[in-house]
Amino acid sequence: MIKGDEIIIYEDPITKQKPEGEAVLIKKLGTCGFWEGKELQRWEVRFIAGDWTKTFERAILKEV
């Protein structure tokens, strides 16, 4: 995952249940752990269907 990628954000990034919506990755903020060998990252994101002046911090499970 890199800045500018468009991905689906989930309320639970590990099980990918309850999608919040499609978002653009703005800035990687760090790593907050690992799940089954995959990195759980913190990103600043901007939701595509939302207010483009607002950004949010979300956890995203990096796919291999």
C-alpha atoms as a PDB file:
ATOM      1  CA  MET A   1       0.000   0.000   0.000  1.00  0.00           C
ATOM      2  CA  ILE A   2       1.246   3.445  -0.898  1.00  0.00           C
ATOM      3  CA  LYS A   3       0.015   7.002  -0.648  1.00  0.00           C
ATOM      4  CA  GLY A   4      -2.774   7.637  -3.157  1.00  0.00           C
ATOM      5  CA  ASP A   5      -4.077   4.056  -3.229  1.00  0.00           C
ATOM      6  CA  GLU A   6      -7.865   3.702  -3.043  1.00  0.00           C
ATOM      7  CA  ILE A   7      -9.011   0.941  -0.681  1.00  0.00           C
ATOM      8  CA  ILE A   8     -12.082  -0.167   1.252  1.00  0.00           C
ATOM      9  CA  ILE A   9     -11.912   0.676   4.961  1.00  0.00           C
ATOM     10  CA  TYR A  10     -13.487  -1.780   7.413  1.00  0.00           C
ATOM     11  CA  GLU A  11     -14.568  -1.202  11.014  1.00  0.00           C
ATOM     12  CA  ASP A  12     -12.712  -4.430  11.816  1.00  0.00           C
ATOM     13  CA  PRO A  13      -9.666  -4.562   9.525  1.00  0.00           C
ATOM     14  CA  ILE A  14      -8.712  -8.089  10.614  1.00  0.00           C
ATOM     15  CA  THR A  15     -12.001  -9.851   9.770  1.00  0.00           C
ATOM     16  CA  LYS A  16     -12.977  -7.286   7.099  1.00  0.00           C
ATOM     17  CA  GLN A  17     -16.479  -7.006   8.520  1.00  0.00           C
ATOM     18  CA  LYS A  18     -18.656  -3.893   8.386  1.00  0.00           C
ATOM     19  CA  PRO A  19     -17.205  -1.795   5.540  1.00  0.00           C
ATOM     20  CA  GLU A  20     -17.034   1.943   6.309  1.00  0.00           C
ATOM     21  CA  GLY A  21     -16.438   2.991   2.732  1.00  0.00           C
ATOM     22  CA  GLU A  22     -13.867   3.604   0.039  1.00  0.00           C
ATOM     23  CA  ALA A  23     -10.976   5.879   0.974  1.00  0.00           C
ATOM     24  CA  VAL A  24      -7.726   7.303  -0.363  1.00  0.00           C
ATOM     25  CA  LEU A  25      -4.528   6.699   1.601  1.00  0.00           C
ATOM     26  CA  ILE A  26      -2.983  10.039   2.573  1.00  0.00           C
ATOM     27  CA  LYS A  27      -0.083   9.280   4.932  1.00  0.00           C
ATOM     28  CA  LYS A  28       1.243   6.189   6.716  1.00  0.00           C
ATOM     29  CA  LEU A  29       1.412   6.928  10.441  1.00  0.00           C
ATOM     30  CA  GLY A  30       3.093   3.727  11.581  1.00  0.00           C
ATOM     31  CA  THR A  31       2.640   0.092  12.461  1.00  0.00           C
ATOM     32  CA  CYS A  32       0.380  -1.004  15.306  1.00  0.00           C
ATOM     33  CA  GLY A  33       0.996  -4.746  15.248  1.00  0.00           C
ATOM     34  CA  PHE A  34       0.821  -7.936  13.224  1.00  0.00           C
ATOM     35  CA  TRP A  35      -1.914 -10.498  12.554  1.00  0.00           C
ATOM     36  CA  GLU A  36      -1.025 -13.910  11.131  1.00  0.00           C
ATOM     37  CA  GLY A  37       2.173 -12.512   9.610  1.00  0.00           C
ATOM     38  CA  LYS A  38       0.480  -9.462   8.066  1.00  0.00           C
ATOM     39  CA  GLU A  39       1.303  -5.936   9.197  1.00  0.00           C
ATOM     40  CA  LEU A  40      -1.456  -3.850  10.797  1.00  0.00           C
ATOM     41  CA  GLN A  41      -0.764  -0.257   9.790  1.00  0.00           C
ATOM     42  CA  ARG A  42      -2.159   3.131  10.883  1.00  0.00           C
ATOM     43  CA  TRP A  43      -3.003   5.483   8.023  1.00  0.00           C
ATOM     44  CA  GLU A  44      -4.439   8.938   7.606  1.00  0.00           C
ATOM     45  CA  VAL A  45      -7.267   8.486   5.069  1.00  0.00           C
ATOM     46  CA  ARG A  46      -9.859  10.580   3.238  1.00  0.00           C
ATOM     47  CA  PHE A  47     -13.191   8.946   2.434  1.00  0.00           C
ATOM     48  CA  ILE A  48     -14.142   9.332  -1.222  1.00  0.00           C
ATOM     49  CA  ALA A  49     -17.863   9.830  -0.558  1.00  0.00           C
ATOM     50  CA  GLY A  50     -17.245  12.216   2.333  1.00  0.00           C
ATOM     51  CA  ASP A  51     -16.108  15.750   2.976  1.00  0.00           C
ATOM     52  CA  TRP A  52     -12.754  16.158   1.181  1.00  0.00           C
ATOM     53  CA  THR A  53     -11.588  18.669   3.829  1.00  0.00           C
ATOM     54  CA  LYS A  54     -11.619  15.996   6.562  1.00  0.00           C
ATOM     55  CA  THR A  55      -9.167  13.169   7.152  1.00  0.00           C
ATOM     56  CA  PHE A  56      -9.351  10.281   9.586  1.00  0.00           C
ATOM     57  CA  GLU A  57      -6.932   7.830  11.190  1.00  0.00           C
ATOM     58  CA  ARG A  58      -7.691   4.173  10.510  1.00  0.00           C
ATOM     59  CA  ALA A  59      -6.053   0.765  11.007  1.00  0.00           C
ATOM     60  CA  ILE A  60      -5.533  -1.243   7.816  1.00  0.00           C
ATOM     61  CA  LEU A  61      -4.282  -4.814   7.468  1.00  0.00           C
ATOM     62  CA  LYS A  62      -1.615  -4.839   4.787  1.00  0.00           C
ATOM     63  CA  GLU A  63      -2.179  -7.555   2.209  1.00  0.00           C
ATOM     64  CA  VAL A  64       0.829  -9.480   0.930  1.00  0.00           C
END
